[in-house]
Amino acid sequence: METVIIVIHLMVVLALVLVVLLQRSEGGALGIGGGSGGFMSSRGSANVLTRATAVLALAFFATSLVLAILARTDERPGSILDGGTPSQTLPANGAEGGQGILDTLKGQSEPQAPVQGGPQVPAAQ
């Protein structure tokens, strides 16, 4: 059902683009506003193209609404924010194992005791 509506929607979009491009330019700044004559008179084509644009715009709006409703009613998993239990919980004060993050980082930056039997490297200053 959704695929059929998507195909109809795409056909309406293409037709709407073509109808809008066929309409005569009001400003005429591009110099392609058409001359006198052609396969349709200017007055008759304006009326037909205006009505066609309105009908296609209405069809575009309707198919867009139908696709939005179908997408909303489609069964999909909820947001990650909608429940689910966290895999790891922290204590209420934000500390991890009795130590805060600053205490953990301070412990990592302290120089470690040299290993016996290996080459000795002077500590960084």
N, C-alpha and C. Protein backbone atom coordinates (compact mmCIF):
# COMPACT_ATOMS: atom_id res chain seq x y z
N MET A 1 0.83 -1.19 0.00
CA MET A 1 0.00 0.00 0.00
C MET A 1 0.87 1.26 0.00
N GLU A 2 1.87 1.24 0.85
CA GLU A 2 2.75 2.41 0.95
C GLU A 2 3.54 2.61 -0.34
N THR A 3 3.95 1.53 -0.96
CA THR A 3 4.71 1.63 -2.20
C THR A 3 3.86 2.23 -3.32
N VAL A 4 2.60 1.85 -3.38
CA VAL A 4 1.69 2.39 -4.40
C VAL A 4 1.53 3.90 -4.22
N ILE A 5 1.38 4.33 -2.98
CA ILE A 5 1.20 5.76 -2.72
C ILE A 5 2.49 6.52 -3.01
N ILE A 6 3.63 5.92 -2.74
CA ILE A 6 4.90 6.58 -3.06
C ILE A 6 5.05 6.75 -4.57
N VAL A 7 4.66 5.74 -5.33
CA VAL A 7 4.75 5.84 -6.80
C VAL A 7 3.80 6.93 -7.31
N ILE A 8 2.58 6.97 -6.78
CA ILE A 8 1.63 8.01 -7.16
C ILE A 8 2.17 9.39 -6.79
N HIS A 9 2.76 9.48 -5.62
CA HIS A 9 3.33 10.74 -5.14
C HIS A 9 4.45 11.22 -6.07
N LEU A 10 5.31 10.32 -6.48
CA LEU A 10 6.40 10.70 -7.38
C LEU A 10 5.88 11.13 -8.75
N MET A 11 4.83 10.46 -9.23
CA MET A 11 4.24 10.87 -10.52
C MET A 11 3.61 12.25 -10.41
N VAL A 12 2.95 12.53 -9.29
CA VAL A 12 2.35 13.85 -9.07
C VAL A 12 3.45 14.92 -9.00
N VAL A 13 4.55 14.59 -8.35
CA VAL A 13 5.65 15.56 -8.24
C VAL A 13 6.22 15.89 -9.61
N LEU A 14 6.45 14.88 -10.43
CA LEU A 14 6.98 15.12 -11.77
C LEU A 14 6.01 15.94 -12.62
N ALA A 15 4.72 15.61 -12.55
CA ALA A 15 3.72 16.35 -13.31
C ALA A 15 3.64 17.80 -12.83
N LEU A 16 3.74 18.01 -11.54
CA LEU A 16 3.66 19.36 -10.99
C LEU A 16 4.85 20.20 -11.44
N VAL A 17 6.03 19.61 -11.44
CA VAL A 17 7.21 20.33 -11.91
C VAL A 17 7.06 20.70 -13.38
N LEU A 18 6.59 19.76 -14.19
CA LEU A 18 6.41 20.04 -15.62
C LEU A 18 5.38 21.13 -15.87
N VAL A 19 4.28 21.09 -15.14
CA VAL A 19 3.22 22.09 -15.33
C VAL A 19 3.72 23.47 -14.91
N VAL A 20 4.48 23.54 -13.85
CA VAL A 20 5.00 24.83 -13.40
C VAL A 20 6.01 25.37 -14.42
N LEU A 21 6.83 24.48 -14.97
CA LEU A 21 7.80 24.93 -15.97
C LEU A 21 7.15 25.35 -17.28
N LEU A 22 5.99 24.82 -17.59
CA LEU A 22 5.29 25.20 -18.82
C LEU A 22 4.62 26.56 -18.74
N GLN A 23 4.40 27.04 -17.53
CA GLN A 23 3.68 28.31 -17.38
C GLN A 23 4.53 29.47 -17.86
N ARG A 24 3.85 30.49 -18.34
CA ARG A 24 4.54 31.67 -18.88
C ARG A 24 5.09 32.51 -17.74
N SER A 25 6.26 33.02 -17.94
CA SER A 25 6.91 33.86 -16.95
C SER A 25 6.21 35.21 -16.89
N GLU A 26 5.97 35.72 -15.70
CA GLU A 26 5.32 37.02 -15.54
C GLU A 26 6.30 38.15 -15.81
N GLY A 27 7.52 38.03 -15.32
CA GLY A 27 8.48 39.11 -15.47
C GLY A 27 9.06 39.19 -16.86
N GLY A 28 9.25 38.10 -17.50
CA GLY A 28 9.85 38.10 -18.82
C GLY A 28 11.33 38.45 -18.80
N ALA A 29 11.96 38.37 -17.65
CA ALA A 29 13.36 38.76 -17.52
C ALA A 29 14.28 37.78 -18.24
N LEU A 30 13.84 36.56 -18.41
CA LEU A 30 14.68 35.58 -19.07
C LEU A 30 14.57 35.63 -20.58
N GLY A 31 13.60 36.30 -21.07
CA GLY A 31 13.43 36.43 -22.51
C GLY A 31 12.86 35.19 -23.18
N ILE A 32 12.32 34.27 -22.40
CA ILE A 32 11.75 33.05 -22.97
C ILE A 32 10.26 32.96 -22.69
N GLY A 33 9.62 34.06 -22.53
CA GLY A 33 8.21 34.08 -22.18
C GLY A 33 7.30 33.58 -23.28
N GLY A 34 7.83 33.18 -24.38
CA GLY A 34 7.00 32.68 -25.48
C GLY A 34 6.59 33.83 -26.37
N GLY A 35 6.29 33.54 -27.58
CA GLY A 35 5.87 34.58 -28.52
C GLY A 35 4.38 34.52 -28.72
N SER A 36 3.92 35.18 -29.75
CA SER A 36 2.49 35.09 -30.05
C SER A 36 2.27 33.80 -30.83
N GLY A 37 1.28 33.08 -30.45
CA GLY A 37 0.99 31.82 -31.15
C GLY A 37 1.48 30.65 -30.34
N GLY A 38 1.76 29.58 -31.02
CA GLY A 38 2.15 28.36 -30.33
C GLY A 38 1.00 27.39 -30.36
N PHE A 39 1.16 26.28 -29.68
CA PHE A 39 0.09 25.29 -29.74
C PHE A 39 -1.09 25.65 -28.86
N MET A 40 -0.90 26.59 -27.92
CA MET A 40 -2.02 27.09 -27.11
C MET A 40 -1.94 28.60 -27.05
N SER A 41 -3.09 29.24 -27.06
CA SER A 41 -3.07 30.70 -26.92
C SER A 41 -2.71 31.04 -25.49
N SER A 42 -2.21 32.23 -25.26
CA SER A 42 -1.73 32.61 -23.94
C SER A 42 -2.85 32.63 -22.91
N ARG A 43 -4.02 33.07 -23.31
CA ARG A 43 -5.13 33.15 -22.36
C ARG A 43 -5.65 31.75 -22.00
N GLY A 44 -5.79 30.90 -23.00
CA GLY A 44 -6.30 29.56 -22.76
C GLY A 44 -5.31 28.70 -22.00
N SER A 45 -4.03 28.83 -22.31
CA SER A 45 -3.04 28.02 -21.61
C SER A 45 -2.89 28.44 -20.17
N ALA A 46 -3.02 29.72 -19.89
CA ALA A 46 -2.91 30.19 -18.51
C ALA A 46 -4.03 29.59 -17.66
N ASN A 47 -5.23 29.53 -18.19
CA ASN A 47 -6.35 28.98 -17.45
C ASN A 47 -6.16 27.48 -17.20
N VAL A 48 -5.77 26.74 -18.24
CA VAL A 48 -5.58 25.29 -18.11
C VAL A 48 -4.43 24.97 -17.18
N LEU A 49 -3.32 25.67 -17.36
CA LEU A 49 -2.14 25.39 -16.53
C LEU A 49 -2.36 25.80 -15.07
N THR A 50 -3.11 26.87 -14.85
CA THR A 50 -3.40 27.29 -13.48
C THR A 50 -4.26 26.25 -12.77
N ARG A 51 -5.27 25.75 -13.48
CA ARG A 51 -6.12 24.71 -12.88
C ARG A 51 -5.36 23.41 -12.66
N ALA A 52 -4.51 23.05 -13.63
CA ALA A 52 -3.71 21.84 -13.49
C ALA A 52 -2.75 21.95 -12.31
N THR A 53 -2.17 23.13 -12.13
CA THR A 53 -1.27 23.35 -10.99
C THR A 53 -2.02 23.20 -9.68
N ALA A 54 -3.22 23.75 -9.60
CA ALA A 54 -4.01 23.66 -8.37
C ALA A 54 -4.39 22.22 -8.07
N VAL A 55 -4.81 21.48 -9.10
CA VAL A 55 -5.20 20.07 -8.89
C VAL A 55 -3.99 19.24 -8.48
N LEU A 56 -2.87 19.43 -9.14
CA LEU A 56 -1.66 18.66 -8.80
C LEU A 56 -1.13 19.04 -7.41
N ALA A 57 -1.24 20.31 -7.05
CA ALA A 57 -0.82 20.73 -5.71
C ALA A 57 -1.69 20.08 -4.64
N LEU A 58 -2.99 20.00 -4.90
CA LEU A 58 -3.90 19.34 -3.96
C LEU A 58 -3.57 17.84 -3.86
N ALA A 59 -3.28 17.20 -5.00
CA ALA A 59 -2.91 15.78 -4.98
C ALA A 59 -1.58 15.57 -4.24
N PHE A 60 -0.64 16.48 -4.44
CA PHE A 60 0.64 16.41 -3.73
C PHE A 60 0.44 16.51 -2.23
N PHE A 61 -0.39 17.46 -1.81
CA PHE A 61 -0.68 17.65 -0.39
C PHE A 61 -1.36 16.41 0.20
N ALA A 62 -2.32 15.85 -0.53
CA ALA A 62 -3.05 14.68 -0.04
C ALA A 62 -2.13 13.47 0.08
N THR A 63 -1.31 13.22 -0.95
CA THR A 63 -0.41 12.06 -0.86
C THR A 63 0.65 12.24 0.22
N SER A 64 1.07 13.48 0.44
CA SER A 64 2.03 13.74 1.52
C SER A 64 1.41 13.43 2.88
N LEU A 65 0.17 13.83 3.07
CA LEU A 65 -0.51 13.55 4.34
C LEU A 65 -0.71 12.05 4.54
N VAL A 66 -1.12 11.36 3.49
CA VAL A 66 -1.32 9.91 3.60
C VAL A 66 -0.01 9.21 3.93
N LEU A 67 1.08 9.61 3.28
CA LEU A 67 2.38 9.00 3.57
C LEU A 67 2.84 9.30 5.00
N ALA A 68 2.56 10.49 5.48
CA ALA A 68 2.92 10.84 6.85
C ALA A 68 2.12 10.01 7.86
N ILE A 69 0.83 9.81 7.58
CA ILE A 69 0.00 9.01 8.48
C ILE A 69 0.44 7.55 8.46
N LEU A 70 0.76 7.04 7.27
CA LEU A 70 1.24 5.65 7.19
C LEU A 70 2.57 5.47 7.90
N ALA A 71 3.43 6.45 7.80
CA ALA A 71 4.73 6.35 8.48
C ALA A 71 4.55 6.39 9.99
N ARG A 72 3.56 7.14 10.46
CA ARG A 72 3.33 7.25 11.90
C ARG A 72 2.73 5.96 12.46
N THR A 73 1.84 5.33 11.70
CA THR A 73 1.17 4.13 12.21
C THR A 73 2.01 2.87 11.99
N ASP A 74 3.08 2.98 11.22
CA ASP A 74 3.95 1.82 10.98
C ASP A 74 4.62 1.44 12.30
N GLU A 75 4.70 0.16 12.56
CA GLU A 75 5.28 -0.29 13.83
C GLU A 75 6.78 -0.22 13.75
N ARG A 76 7.33 0.60 14.58
CA ARG A 76 8.78 0.77 14.66
C ARG A 76 9.16 0.83 16.13
N PRO A 77 10.41 0.51 16.44
CA PRO A 77 10.83 0.61 17.84
C PRO A 77 10.78 2.07 18.30
N GLY A 78 10.53 2.25 19.57
CA GLY A 78 10.45 3.58 20.12
C GLY A 78 11.81 4.24 20.23
N SER A 79 11.81 5.42 20.76
CA SER A 79 13.04 6.17 20.94
C SER A 79 13.90 5.53 22.01
N ILE A 80 15.19 5.75 21.95
CA ILE A 80 16.07 5.21 22.99
C ILE A 80 15.85 5.93 24.31
N LEU A 81 15.19 7.07 24.25
CA LEU A 81 14.91 7.81 25.48
C LEU A 81 13.65 7.33 26.17
N ASP A 82 12.83 6.49 25.48
CA ASP A 82 11.56 6.03 26.02
C ASP A 82 11.73 4.78 26.87
N GLY A 83 12.41 4.81 27.89
CA GLY A 83 12.50 3.62 28.73
C GLY A 83 13.75 2.83 28.44
N GLY A 84 13.67 1.55 28.79
CA GLY A 84 14.87 0.76 28.70
C GLY A 84 15.73 1.05 29.92
N THR A 85 16.35 0.06 30.45
CA THR A 85 17.18 0.28 31.63
C THR A 85 18.61 0.51 31.20
N PRO A 86 19.29 1.42 31.85
CA PRO A 86 20.69 1.63 31.52
C PRO A 86 21.51 0.41 31.91
N SER A 87 22.54 0.11 31.14
CA SER A 87 23.34 -1.09 31.40
C SER A 87 24.24 -0.91 32.61
N GLN A 88 24.58 0.31 32.94
CA GLN A 88 25.45 0.54 34.09
C GLN A 88 24.94 1.78 34.80
N THR A 89 24.77 1.67 36.10
CA THR A 89 24.28 2.81 36.86
C THR A 89 25.41 3.35 37.72
N LEU A 90 25.42 4.65 37.90
CA LEU A 90 26.41 5.31 38.73
C LEU A 90 25.79 5.66 40.07
N PRO A 91 26.58 5.78 41.11
CA PRO A 91 26.04 6.25 42.39
C PRO A 91 25.45 7.64 42.26
N ALA A 92 24.61 8.00 43.21
CA ALA A 92 23.87 9.26 43.12
C ALA A 92 24.78 10.48 43.10
N ASN A 93 25.94 10.43 43.77
CA ASN A 93 26.81 11.60 43.82
C ASN A 93 27.70 11.71 42.59
N GLY A 94 27.60 10.82 41.63
CA GLY A 94 28.37 10.88 40.41
C GLY A 94 29.76 10.27 40.55
N ALA A 95 30.07 9.74 41.71
CA ALA A 95 31.38 9.15 41.92
C ALA A 95 31.35 7.70 41.47
N GLU A 96 32.46 7.21 41.07
CA GLU A 96 32.55 5.85 40.59
C GLU A 96 33.42 5.05 41.55
N GLY A 97 32.81 4.15 42.28
CA GLY A 97 33.57 3.32 43.22
C GLY A 97 34.16 4.12 44.37
N GLY A 98 33.51 5.20 44.79
CA GLY A 98 34.02 5.99 45.89
C GLY A 98 35.00 7.06 45.46
N GLN A 99 35.45 7.03 44.23
CA GLN A 99 36.38 8.04 43.74
C GLN A 99 35.70 8.85 42.66
N GLY A 100 35.99 10.15 42.65
CA GLY A 100 35.50 11.00 41.59
C GLY A 100 36.41 10.91 40.38
N ILE A 101 36.00 11.54 39.32
CA ILE A 101 36.79 11.50 38.09
C ILE A 101 38.12 12.21 38.27
N LEU A 102 38.13 13.27 39.07
CA LEU A 102 39.40 13.99 39.30
C LEU A 102 40.38 13.13 40.09
N ASP A 103 39.86 12.37 41.07
CA ASP A 103 40.74 11.48 41.84
C ASP A 103 41.31 10.39 40.94
N THR A 104 40.51 9.88 40.03
CA THR A 104 40.99 8.84 39.12
C THR A 104 42.08 9.38 38.21
N LEU A 105 41.86 10.58 37.66
CA LEU A 105 42.87 11.18 36.79
C LEU A 105 44.14 11.54 37.54
N LYS A 106 44.01 11.97 38.80
CA LYS A 106 45.17 12.32 39.60
C LYS A 106 46.02 11.08 39.86
N GLY A 107 45.36 9.94 40.09
CA GLY A 107 46.09 8.70 40.32
C GLY A 107 46.83 8.23 39.08
N GLN A 108 46.32 8.53 37.91
CA GLN A 108 46.99 8.12 36.67
C GLN A 108 48.18 9.00 36.35
N SER A 109 48.17 10.25 36.80
CA SER A 109 49.26 11.15 36.45
C SER A 109 50.45 11.05 37.40
N GLU A 110 50.30 10.39 38.53
CA GLU A 110 51.42 10.25 39.47
C GLU A 110 52.45 9.29 38.90
N PRO A 111 53.76 9.59 39.11
CA PRO A 111 54.79 8.68 38.59
C PRO A 111 54.74 7.34 39.29
N GLN A 112 54.98 6.29 38.53
CA GLN A 112 54.94 4.94 39.08
C GLN A 112 56.35 4.53 39.49
N ALA A 113 56.40 3.55 40.35
CA ALA A 113 57.69 3.06 40.82
C ALA A 113 58.43 2.38 39.68
N PRO A 114 59.76 2.55 39.58
CA PRO A 114 60.50 1.92 38.49
C PRO A 114 60.52 0.41 38.63
N VAL A 115 60.57 -0.26 37.51
CA VAL A 115 60.60 -1.70 37.47
C VAL A 115 62.05 -2.15 37.72
N GLN A 116 62.23 -3.15 38.59
CA GLN A 116 63.55 -3.62 38.91
C GLN A 116 64.12 -4.44 37.75
N GLY A 117 65.38 -4.24 37.45
CA GLY A 117 66.06 -5.06 36.47
C GLY A 117 66.02 -4.50 35.06
N GLY A 118 65.26 -3.52 34.79
CA GLY A 118 65.17 -2.95 33.44
C GLY A 118 65.98 -1.67 33.36
N PRO A 119 66.08 -1.11 32.16
CA PRO A 119 66.82 0.16 32.04
C PRO A 119 66.07 1.27 32.76
N GLN A 120 66.82 2.15 33.38
CA GLN A 120 66.23 3.25 34.16
C GLN A 120 66.13 4.48 33.26
N VAL A 121 64.93 5.05 33.20
CA VAL A 121 64.68 6.27 32.43
C VAL A 121 64.37 7.37 33.43
N PRO A 122 65.03 8.50 33.31
CA PRO A 122 64.74 9.58 34.27
C PRO A 122 63.29 10.05 34.12
N ALA A 123 62.72 10.47 35.23
CA ALA A 123 61.33 10.93 35.24
C ALA A 123 61.23 12.25 34.49
N ALA A 124 60.12 12.48 33.86
CA ALA A 124 59.89 13.73 33.13
C ALA A 124 59.73 14.87 34.11
N GLN A 125 60.24 16.02 33.74
CA GLN A 125 60.16 17.16 34.64
C GLN A 125 59.04 18.07 34.28
